[in-house]
Amino acid sequence: MTRLYIAGPMTGLPEFNYPAFRAPDDYHGWLRAGLAQLIRCDGVALLNGWERSGGARLEVNVAATLGMRVAPLGSWTGALVVIEPLSEKVVTA
């Protein structure tokens, strides 16, 4: 099973881009929790608009530095995906 971290914009979007994510109460706390979960994943799946998110850009930089595969969500077709960081819901891409 491929464990993916989903990176994309939240701040400034209606409902913080829910349902793709759950809205954080504390931005810096969310970043810390997200990075802790990111390092346990096999790759990063990018949502549209990830480039406009400072948090997503940080996550992509960390993942790339760690040698993880970073690619748009659509390119993970057929992979069993565990959505991170805020849920353990399993979906098939």
PDB file of N, CA and C in Angstrom:
ATOM      1  N   MET A   1       0.845  -1.179   0.000  1.00  0.00           N
ATOM      2  CA  MET A   1       0.000   0.000   0.000  1.00  0.00           C
ATOM      3  C   MET A   1       0.885   1.234   0.000  1.00  0.00           C
ATOM      4  N   THR A   2       0.559   2.194  -0.835  1.00  0.00           N
ATOM      5  CA  THR A   2       1.278   3.462  -0.883  1.00  0.00           C
ATOM      6  C   THR A   2       0.612   4.429   0.075  1.00  0.00           C
ATOM      7  N   ARG A   3       1.388   4.992   0.967  1.00  0.00           N
ATOM      8  CA  ARG A   3       0.863   5.960   1.928  1.00  0.00           C
ATOM      9  C   ARG A   3       1.199   7.348   1.403  1.00  0.00           C
ATOM     10  N   LEU A   4       0.150   8.143   1.090  1.00  0.00           N
ATOM     11  CA  LEU A   4       0.338   9.466   0.506  1.00  0.00           C
ATOM     12  C   LEU A   4      -0.061  10.565   1.460  1.00  0.00           C
ATOM     13  N   TYR A   5       0.658  11.643   1.377  1.00  0.00           N
ATOM     14  CA  TYR A   5       0.325  12.884   2.061  1.00  0.00           C
ATOM     15  C   TYR A   5      -0.279  13.796   1.009  1.00  0.00           C
ATOM     16  N   ILE A   6      -1.465  14.348   1.282  1.00  0.00           N
ATOM     17  CA  ILE A   6      -2.138  15.225   0.334  1.00  0.00           C
ATOM     18  C   ILE A   6      -1.774  16.665   0.664  1.00  0.00           C
ATOM     19  N   ALA A   7      -1.166  17.374  -0.270  1.00  0.00           N
ATOM     20  CA  ALA A   7      -0.749  18.761  -0.060  1.00  0.00           C
ATOM     21  C   ALA A   7      -1.559  19.682  -0.961  1.00  0.00           C
ATOM     22  N   GLY A   8      -2.130  20.710  -0.368  1.00  0.00           N
ATOM     23  CA  GLY A   8      -2.892  21.666  -1.152  1.00  0.00           C
ATOM     24  C   GLY A   8      -3.288  22.862  -0.324  1.00  0.00           C
ATOM     25  N   PRO A   9      -3.902  23.838  -0.961  1.00  0.00           N
ATOM     26  CA  PRO A   9      -4.239  25.079  -0.276  1.00  0.00           C
ATOM     27  C   PRO A   9      -5.408  24.907   0.689  1.00  0.00           C
ATOM     28  N   MET A  10      -5.380  25.661   1.785  1.00  0.00           N
ATOM     29  CA  MET A  10      -6.479  25.709   2.744  1.00  0.00           C
ATOM     30  C   MET A  10      -6.824  27.156   3.089  1.00  0.00           C
ATOM     31  N   THR A  11      -5.806  27.926   3.481  1.00  0.00           N
ATOM     32  CA  THR A  11      -6.010  29.281   3.964  1.00  0.00           C
ATOM     33  C   THR A  11      -6.643  30.161   2.897  1.00  0.00           C
ATOM     34  N   GLY A  12      -7.669  30.891   3.286  1.00  0.00           N
ATOM     35  CA  GLY A  12      -8.314  31.835   2.393  1.00  0.00           C
ATOM     36  C   GLY A  12      -9.363  31.243   1.471  1.00  0.00           C
ATOM     37  N   LEU A  13      -9.555  29.936   1.512  1.00  0.00           N
ATOM     38  CA  LEU A  13     -10.559  29.293   0.672  1.00  0.00           C
ATOM     39  C   LEU A  13     -11.836  29.043   1.475  1.00  0.00           C
ATOM     40  N   PRO A  14     -12.980  29.002   0.802  1.00  0.00           N
ATOM     41  CA  PRO A  14     -14.222  28.717   1.519  1.00  0.00           C
ATOM     42  C   PRO A  14     -14.111  27.418   2.313  1.00  0.00           C
ATOM     43  N   GLU A  15     -14.492  27.490   3.553  1.00  0.00           N
ATOM     44  CA  GLU A  15     -14.455  26.337   4.448  1.00  0.00           C
ATOM     45  C   GLU A  15     -13.065  25.700   4.532  1.00  0.00           C
ATOM     46  N   PHE A  16     -12.024  26.488   4.332  1.00  0.00           N
ATOM     47  CA  PHE A  16     -10.639  26.002   4.378  1.00  0.00           C
ATOM     48  C   PHE A  16     -10.404  24.811   3.444  1.00  0.00           C
ATOM     49  N   ASN A  17     -11.061  24.810   2.284  1.00  0.00           N
ATOM     50  CA  ASN A  17     -10.912  23.756   1.280  1.00  0.00           C
ATOM     51  C   ASN A  17     -11.485  22.420   1.752  1.00  0.00           C
ATOM     52  N   TYR A  18     -12.428  22.482   2.680  1.00  0.00           N
ATOM     53  CA  TYR A  18     -13.118  21.287   3.118  1.00  0.00           C
ATOM     54  C   TYR A  18     -14.005  20.819   1.977  1.00  0.00           C
ATOM     55  N   PRO A  19     -14.150  19.543   1.622  1.00  0.00           N
ATOM     56  CA  PRO A  19     -13.801  18.379   2.403  1.00  0.00           C
ATOM     57  C   PRO A  19     -12.404  17.822   2.161  1.00  0.00           C
ATOM     58  N   ALA A  20     -11.579  18.466   1.356  1.00  0.00           N
ATOM     59  CA  ALA A  20     -10.227  17.948   1.147  1.00  0.00           C
ATOM     60  C   ALA A  20      -9.437  17.904   2.448  1.00  0.00           C
ATOM     61  N   PHE A  21      -9.714  18.823   3.330  1.00  0.00           N
ATOM     62  CA  PHE A  21      -9.070  18.877   4.638  1.00  0.00           C
ATOM     63  C   PHE A  21     -10.103  19.259   5.683  1.00  0.00           C
ATOM     64  N   ARG A  22      -9.768  19.107   6.919  1.00  0.00           N
ATOM     65  CA  ARG A  22     -10.568  19.672   8.003  1.00  0.00           C
ATOM     66  C   ARG A  22      -9.904  20.975   8.410  1.00  0.00           C
ATOM     67  N   ALA A  23     -10.686  21.989   8.730  1.00  0.00           N
ATOM     68  CA  ALA A  23     -10.161  23.317   9.057  1.00  0.00           C
ATOM     69  C   ALA A  23      -9.333  23.282  10.344  1.00  0.00           C
ATOM     70  N   PRO A  24      -8.127  23.847  10.314  1.00  0.00           N
ATOM     71  CA  PRO A  24      -7.293  23.870  11.514  1.00  0.00           C
ATOM     72  C   PRO A  24      -7.683  25.018  12.436  1.00  0.00           C
ATOM     73  N   ASP A  25      -7.518  24.795  13.730  1.00  0.00           N
ATOM     74  CA  ASP A  25      -7.736  25.868  14.699  1.00  0.00           C
ATOM     75  C   ASP A  25      -6.472  26.696  14.870  1.00  0.00           C
ATOM     76  N   ASP A  26      -5.322  26.065  14.690  1.00  0.00           N
ATOM     77  CA  ASP A  26      -4.035  26.705  14.936  1.00  0.00           C
ATOM     78  C   ASP A  26      -3.110  26.408  13.753  1.00  0.00           C
ATOM     79  N   TYR A  27      -2.847  27.418  12.946  1.00  0.00           N
ATOM     80  CA  TYR A  27      -2.057  27.229  11.730  1.00  0.00           C
ATOM     81  C   TYR A  27      -0.697  26.596  12.011  1.00  0.00           C
ATOM     82  N   HIS A  28       0.040  27.119  12.970  1.00  0.00           N
ATOM     83  CA  HIS A  28       1.377  26.580  13.248  1.00  0.00           C
ATOM     84  C   HIS A  28       1.306  25.175  13.841  1.00  0.00           C
ATOM     85  N   GLY A  29       0.318  24.931  14.657  1.00  0.00           N
ATOM     86  CA  GLY A  29       0.126  23.579  15.185  1.00  0.00           C
ATOM     87  C   GLY A  29      -0.201  22.596  14.078  1.00  0.00           C
ATOM     88  N   TRP A  30      -1.025  23.062  13.115  1.00  0.00           N
ATOM     89  CA  TRP A  30      -1.361  22.216  11.975  1.00  0.00           C
ATOM     90  C   TRP A  30      -0.114  21.905  11.152  1.00  0.00           C
ATOM     91  N   LEU A  31       0.725  22.907  10.930  1.00  0.00           N
ATOM     92  CA  LEU A  31       1.959  22.671  10.171  1.00  0.00           C
ATOM     93  C   LEU A  31       2.844  21.641  10.865  1.00  0.00           C
ATOM     94  N   ARG A  32       2.999  21.769  12.178  1.00  0.00           N
ATOM     95  CA  ARG A  32       3.826  20.810  12.927  1.00  0.00           C
ATOM     96  C   ARG A  32       3.268  19.399  12.814  1.00  0.00           C
ATOM     97  N   ALA A  33       1.956  19.277  13.026  1.00  0.00           N
ATOM     98  CA  ALA A  33       1.321  17.955  12.947  1.00  0.00           C
ATOM     99  C   ALA A  33       1.421  17.391  11.536  1.00  0.00           C
ATOM    100  N   GLY A  34       1.216  18.250  10.549  1.00  0.00           N
ATOM    101  CA  GLY A  34       1.302  17.801   9.165  1.00  0.00           C
ATOM    102  C   GLY A  34       2.689  17.306   8.793  1.00  0.00           C
ATOM    103  N   LEU A  35       3.711  18.026   9.215  1.00  0.00           N
ATOM    104  CA  LEU A  35       5.088  17.612   8.907  1.00  0.00           C
ATOM    105  C   LEU A  35       5.442  16.305   9.603  1.00  0.00           C
ATOM    106  N   ALA A  36       4.948  16.127  10.825  1.00  0.00           N
ATOM    107  CA  ALA A  36       5.201  14.874  11.545  1.00  0.00           C
ATOM    108  C   ALA A  36       4.588  13.693  10.789  1.00  0.00           C
ATOM    109  N   GLN A  37       3.409  13.894  10.205  1.00  0.00           N
ATOM    110  CA  GLN A  37       2.773  12.822   9.451  1.00  0.00           C
ATOM    111  C   GLN A  37       3.374  12.672   8.059  1.00  0.00           C
ATOM    112  N   LEU A  38       3.797  13.760   7.470  1.00  0.00           N
ATOM    113  CA  LEU A  38       4.414  13.727   6.141  1.00  0.00           C
ATOM    114  C   LEU A  38       5.596  12.773   6.104  1.00  0.00           C
ATOM    115  N   ILE A  39       6.448  12.814   7.104  1.00  0.00           N
ATOM    116  CA  ILE A  39       7.668  11.999   7.069  1.00  0.00           C
ATOM    117  C   ILE A  39       7.393  10.503   7.191  1.00  0.00           C
ATOM    118  N   ARG A  40       6.167  10.124   7.535  1.00  0.00           N
ATOM    119  CA  ARG A  40       5.798   8.706   7.606  1.00  0.00           C
ATOM    120  C   ARG A  40       5.214   8.194   6.290  1.00  0.00           C
ATOM    121  N   CYS A  41       5.077   9.077   5.315  1.00  0.00           N
ATOM    122  CA  CYS A  41       4.437   8.719   4.046  1.00  0.00           C
ATOM    123  C   CYS A  41       5.462   8.325   2.992  1.00  0.00           C
ATOM    124  N   ASP A  42       4.952   7.755   1.904  1.00  0.00           N
ATOM    125  CA  ASP A  42       5.799   7.331   0.789  1.00  0.00           C
ATOM    126  C   ASP A  42       5.905   8.369  -0.307  1.00  0.00           C
ATOM    127  N   GLY A  43       4.964   9.306  -0.344  1.00  0.00           N
ATOM    128  CA  GLY A  43       4.960  10.322  -1.379  1.00  0.00           C
ATOM    129  C   GLY A  43       3.956  11.406  -1.051  1.00  0.00           C
ATOM    130  N   VAL A  44       3.933  12.424  -1.900  1.00  0.00           N
ATOM    131  CA  VAL A  44       3.021  13.551  -1.718  1.00  0.00           C
ATOM    132  C   VAL A  44       2.190  13.708  -2.989  1.00  0.00           C
ATOM    133  N   ALA A  45       0.859  13.696  -2.815  1.00  0.00           N
ATOM    134  CA  ALA A  45      -0.068  13.920  -3.911  1.00  0.00           C
ATOM    135  C   ALA A  45      -0.530  15.367  -3.849  1.00  0.00           C
ATOM    136  N   LEU A  46      -0.363  16.089  -4.933  1.00  0.00           N
ATOM    137  CA  LEU A  46      -0.646  17.524  -4.955  1.00  0.00           C
ATOM    138  C   LEU A  46      -2.052  17.826  -5.457  1.00  0.00           C
ATOM    139  N   LEU A  47      -2.763  18.667  -4.712  1.00  0.00           N
ATOM    140  CA  LEU A  47      -4.059  19.166  -5.140  1.00  0.00           C
ATOM    141  C   LEU A  47      -3.844  20.375  -6.044  1.00  0.00           C
ATOM    142  N   ASN A  48      -4.817  20.669  -6.893  1.00  0.00           N
ATOM    143  CA  ASN A  48      -4.740  21.873  -7.719  1.00  0.00           C
ATOM    144  C   ASN A  48      -4.581  23.099  -6.826  1.00  0.00           C
ATOM    145  N   GLY A  49      -3.709  24.006  -7.210  1.00  0.00           N
ATOM    146  CA  GLY A  49      -3.491  25.241  -6.468  1.00  0.00           C
ATOM    147  C   GLY A  49      -2.508  25.129  -5.326  1.00  0.00           C
ATOM    148  N   TRP A  50      -1.827  23.997  -5.199  1.00  0.00           N
ATOM    149  CA  TRP A  50      -0.902  23.811  -4.084  1.00  0.00           C
ATOM    150  C   TRP A  50       0.181  24.890  -4.067  1.00  0.00           C
ATOM    151  N   GLU A  51       0.528  25.423  -5.235  1.00  0.00           N
ATOM    152  CA  GLU A  51       1.608  26.422  -5.316  1.00  0.00           C
ATOM    153  C   GLU A  51       1.263  27.702  -4.566  1.00  0.00           C
ATOM    154  N   ARG A  52      -0.030  27.964  -4.380  1.00  0.00           N
ATOM    155  CA  ARG A  52      -0.472  29.186  -3.694  1.00  0.00           C
ATOM    156  C   ARG A  52      -0.514  29.024  -2.180  1.00  0.00           C
ATOM    157  N   SER A  53      -0.166  27.870  -1.680  1.00  0.00           N
ATOM    158  CA  SER A  53      -0.207  27.592  -0.252  1.00  0.00           C
ATOM    159  C   SER A  53       1.209  27.533   0.318  1.00  0.00           C
ATOM    160  N   GLY A  54       1.500  28.421   1.252  1.00  0.00           N
ATOM    161  CA  GLY A  54       2.818  28.388   1.891  1.00  0.00           C
ATOM    162  C   GLY A  54       3.084  27.067   2.587  1.00  0.00           C
ATOM    163  N   GLY A  55       2.063  26.528   3.242  1.00  0.00           N
ATOM    164  CA  GLY A  55       2.222  25.238   3.921  1.00  0.00           C
ATOM    165  C   GLY A  55       2.491  24.109   2.943  1.00  0.00           C
ATOM    166  N   ALA A  56       1.760  24.081   1.833  1.00  0.00           N
ATOM    167  CA  ALA A  56       1.971  23.035   0.831  1.00  0.00           C
ATOM    168  C   ALA A  56       3.351  23.154   0.199  1.00  0.00           C
ATOM    169  N   ARG A  57       3.800  24.385  -0.054  1.00  0.00           N
ATOM    170  CA  ARG A  57       5.155  24.560  -0.612  1.00  0.00           C
ATOM    171  C   ARG A  57       6.210  24.036   0.361  1.00  0.00           C
ATOM    172  N   LEU A  58       6.017  24.279   1.656  1.00  0.00           N
ATOM    173  CA  LEU A  58       6.937  23.748   2.667  1.00  0.00           C
ATOM    174  C   LEU A  58       6.922  22.223   2.641  1.00  0.00           C
ATOM    175  N   GLU A  59       5.724  21.639   2.588  1.00  0.00           N
ATOM    176  CA  GLU A  59       5.596  20.179   2.569  1.00  0.00           C
ATOM    177  C   GLU A  59       6.260  19.578   1.337  1.00  0.00           C
ATOM    178  N   VAL A  60       6.084  20.194   0.190  1.00  0.00           N
ATOM    179  CA  VAL A  60       6.713  19.708  -1.039  1.00  0.00           C
ATOM    180  C   VAL A  60       8.231  19.783  -0.930  1.00  0.00           C
ATOM    181  N   ASN A  61       8.737  20.877  -0.382  1.00  0.00           N
ATOM    182  CA  ASN A  61      10.179  21.032  -0.205  1.00  0.00           C
ATOM    183  C   ASN A  61      10.733  19.949   0.714  1.00  0.00           C
ATOM    184  N   VAL A  62      10.074  19.710   1.837  1.00  0.00           N
ATOM    185  CA  VAL A  62      10.528  18.677   2.774  1.00  0.00           C
ATOM    186  C   VAL A  62      10.497  17.306   2.093  1.00  0.00           C
ATOM    187  N   ALA A  63       9.389  16.991   1.419  1.00  0.00           N
ATOM    188  CA  ALA A  63       9.262  15.691   0.754  1.00  0.00           C
ATOM    189  C   ALA A  63      10.343  15.503  -0.309  1.00  0.00           C
ATOM    190  N   ALA A  64      10.562  16.515  -1.130  1.00  0.00           N
ATOM    191  CA  ALA A  64      11.582  16.416  -2.175  1.00  0.00           C
ATOM    192  C   ALA A  64      12.971  16.249  -1.569  1.00  0.00           C
ATOM    193  N   THR A  65      13.245  16.971  -0.508  1.00  0.00           N
ATOM    194  CA  THR A  65      14.539  16.865   0.173  1.00  0.00           C
ATOM    195  C   THR A  65      14.749  15.458   0.734  1.00  0.00           C
ATOM    196  N   LEU A  66      13.658  14.828   1.180  1.00  0.00           N
ATOM    197  CA  LEU A  66      13.732  13.467   1.714  1.00  0.00           C
ATOM    198  C   LEU A  66      13.697  12.396   0.625  1.00  0.00           C
ATOM    199  N   GLY A  67      13.617  12.813  -0.649  1.00  0.00           N
ATOM    200  CA  GLY A  67      13.636  11.874  -1.763  1.00  0.00           C
ATOM    201  C   GLY A  67      12.305  11.202  -2.043  1.00  0.00           C
ATOM    202  N   MET A  68      11.210  11.766  -1.537  1.00  0.00           N
ATOM    203  CA  MET A  68       9.891  11.203  -1.789  1.00  0.00           C
ATOM    204  C   MET A  68       9.404  11.581  -3.184  1.00  0.00           C
ATOM    205  N   ARG A  69       8.544  10.754  -3.746  1.00  0.00           N
ATOM    206  CA  ARG A  69       7.882  11.112  -5.003  1.00  0.00           C
ATOM    207  C   ARG A  69       6.842  12.182  -4.698  1.00  0.00           C
ATOM    208  N   VAL A  70       6.860  13.253  -5.469  1.00  0.00           N
ATOM    209  CA  VAL A  70       5.898  14.352  -5.349  1.00  0.00           C
ATOM    210  C   VAL A  70       5.267  14.519  -6.724  1.00  0.00           C
ATOM    211  N   ALA A  71       3.934  14.332  -6.808  1.00  0.00           N
ATOM    212  CA  ALA A  71       3.263  14.374  -8.105  1.00  0.00           C
ATOM    213  C   ALA A  71       1.800  14.760  -7.911  1.00  0.00           C
ATOM    214  N   PRO A  72       1.158  15.278  -8.972  1.00  0.00           N
ATOM    215  CA  PRO A  72      -0.262  15.608  -8.882  1.00  0.00           C
ATOM    216  C   PRO A  72      -1.091  14.384  -8.487  1.00  0.00           C
ATOM    217  N   LEU A  73      -2.177  14.624  -7.779  1.00  0.00           N
ATOM    218  CA  LEU A  73      -3.038  13.540  -7.307  1.00  0.00           C
ATOM    219  C   LEU A  73      -3.438  12.598  -8.432  1.00  0.00           C
ATOM    220  N   GLY A  74      -3.778  13.140  -9.601  1.00  0.00           N
ATOM    221  CA  GLY A  74      -4.212  12.318 -10.726  1.00  0.00           C
ATOM    222  C   GLY A  74      -3.174  11.328 -11.218  1.00  0.00           C
ATOM    223  N   SER A  75      -1.901  11.593 -10.983  1.00  0.00           N
ATOM    224  CA  SER A  75      -0.855  10.681 -11.458  1.00  0.00           C
ATOM    225  C   SER A  75      -0.676   9.467 -10.556  1.00  0.00           C
ATOM    226  N   TRP A  76      -1.375   9.431  -9.437  1.00  0.00           N
ATOM    227  CA  TRP A  76      -1.302   8.295  -8.519  1.00  0.00           C
ATOM    228  C   TRP A  76      -2.428   7.295  -8.815  1.00  0.00           C
ATOM    229  N   THR A  77      -3.030   7.350  -9.981  1.00  0.00           N
ATOM    230  CA  THR A  77      -4.153   6.493 -10.342  1.00  0.00           C
ATOM    231  C   THR A  77      -3.828   5.026 -10.080  1.00  0.00           C
ATOM    232  N   GLY A  78      -4.764   4.361  -9.423  1.00  0.00           N
ATOM    233  CA  GLY A  78      -4.595   2.941  -9.140  1.00  0.00           C
ATOM    234  C   GLY A  78      -3.921   2.661  -7.818  1.00  0.00           C
ATOM    235  N   ALA A  79      -3.326   3.659  -7.196  1.00  0.00           N
ATOM    236  CA  ALA A  79      -2.669   3.460  -5.910  1.00  0.00           C
ATOM    237  C   ALA A  79      -3.712   3.447  -4.802  1.00  0.00           C
ATOM    238  N   LEU A  80      -3.490   2.640  -3.784  1.00  0.00           N
ATOM    239  CA  LEU A  80      -4.312   2.690  -2.589  1.00  0.00           C
ATOM    240  C   LEU A  80      -3.769   3.844  -1.767  1.00  0.00           C
ATOM    241  N   VAL A  81      -4.612   4.795  -1.450  1.00  0.00           N
ATOM    242  CA  VAL A  81      -4.166   6.044  -0.844  1.00  0.00           C
ATOM    243  C   VAL A  81      -4.693   6.163   0.574  1.00  0.00           C
ATOM    244  N   VAL A  82      -3.803   6.475   1.510  1.00  0.00           N
ATOM    245  CA  VAL A  82      -4.211   6.834   2.859  1.00  0.00           C
ATOM    246  C   VAL A  82      -4.074   8.336   2.950  1.00  0.00           C
ATOM    247  N   ILE A  83      -5.191   9.040   3.086  1.00  0.00           N
ATOM    248  CA  ILE A  83      -5.165  10.493   3.112  1.00  0.00           C
ATOM    249  C   ILE A  83      -4.601  10.987   4.428  1.00  0.00           C
ATOM    250  N   GLU A  84      -3.633  11.848   4.358  1.00  0.00           N
ATOM    251  CA  GLU A  84      -3.012  12.483   5.501  1.00  0.00           C
ATOM    252  C   GLU A  84      -3.135  13.982   5.309  1.00  0.00           C
ATOM    253  N   PRO A  85      -3.026  14.852   6.251  1.00  0.00           N
ATOM    254  CA  PRO A  85      -2.631  14.590   7.613  1.00  0.00           C
ATOM    255  C   PRO A  85      -3.764  14.462   8.616  1.00  0.00           C
ATOM    256  N   LEU A  86      -4.995  14.804   8.249  1.00  0.00           N
ATOM    257  CA  LEU A  86      -6.011  14.967   9.279  1.00  0.00           C
ATOM    258  C   LEU A  86      -7.042  13.861   9.337  1.00  0.00           C
ATOM    259  N   SER A  87      -6.837  12.785   8.622  1.00  0.00           N
ATOM    260  CA  SER A  87      -7.746  11.660   8.752  1.00  0.00           C
ATOM    261  C   SER A  87      -7.006  10.393   8.378  1.00  0.00           C
ATOM    262  N   GLU A  88      -7.572   9.287   8.716  1.00  0.00           N
ATOM    263  CA  GLU A  88      -7.004   7.999   8.339  1.00  0.00           C
ATOM    264  C   GLU A  88      -7.898   7.313   7.311  1.00  0.00           C
ATOM    265  N   LYS A  89      -8.735   8.065   6.620  1.00  0.00           N
ATOM    266  CA  LYS A  89      -9.644   7.516   5.631  1.00  0.00           C
ATOM    267  C   LYS A  89      -8.856   6.947   4.443  1.00  0.00           C
ATOM    268  N   VAL A  90      -9.201   5.760   4.014  1.00  0.00           N
ATOM    269  CA  VAL A  90      -8.536   5.121   2.893  1.00  0.00           C
ATOM    270  C   VAL A  90      -9.426   5.240   1.660  1.00  0.00           C
ATOM    271  N   VAL A  91      -8.850   5.712   0.560  1.00  0.00           N
ATOM    272  CA  VAL A  91      -9.576   5.811  -0.704  1.00  0.00           C
ATOM    273  C   VAL A  91      -8.717   5.220  -1.810  1.00  0.00           C
ATOM    274  N   THR A  92      -9.345   4.856  -2.895  1.00  0.00           N
ATOM    275  CA  THR A  92      -8.605   4.394  -4.064  1.00  0.00           C
ATOM    276  C   THR A  92      -8.570   5.515  -5.079  1.00  0.00           C
ATOM    277  N   ALA A  93      -7.359   5.905  -5.506  1.00  0.00           N
ATOM    278  CA  ALA A  93      -7.203   6.989  -6.474  1.00  0.00           C
ATOM    279  C   ALA A  93      -7.435   6.474  -7.871  1.00  0.00           C
TER     280      ALA A  93
END
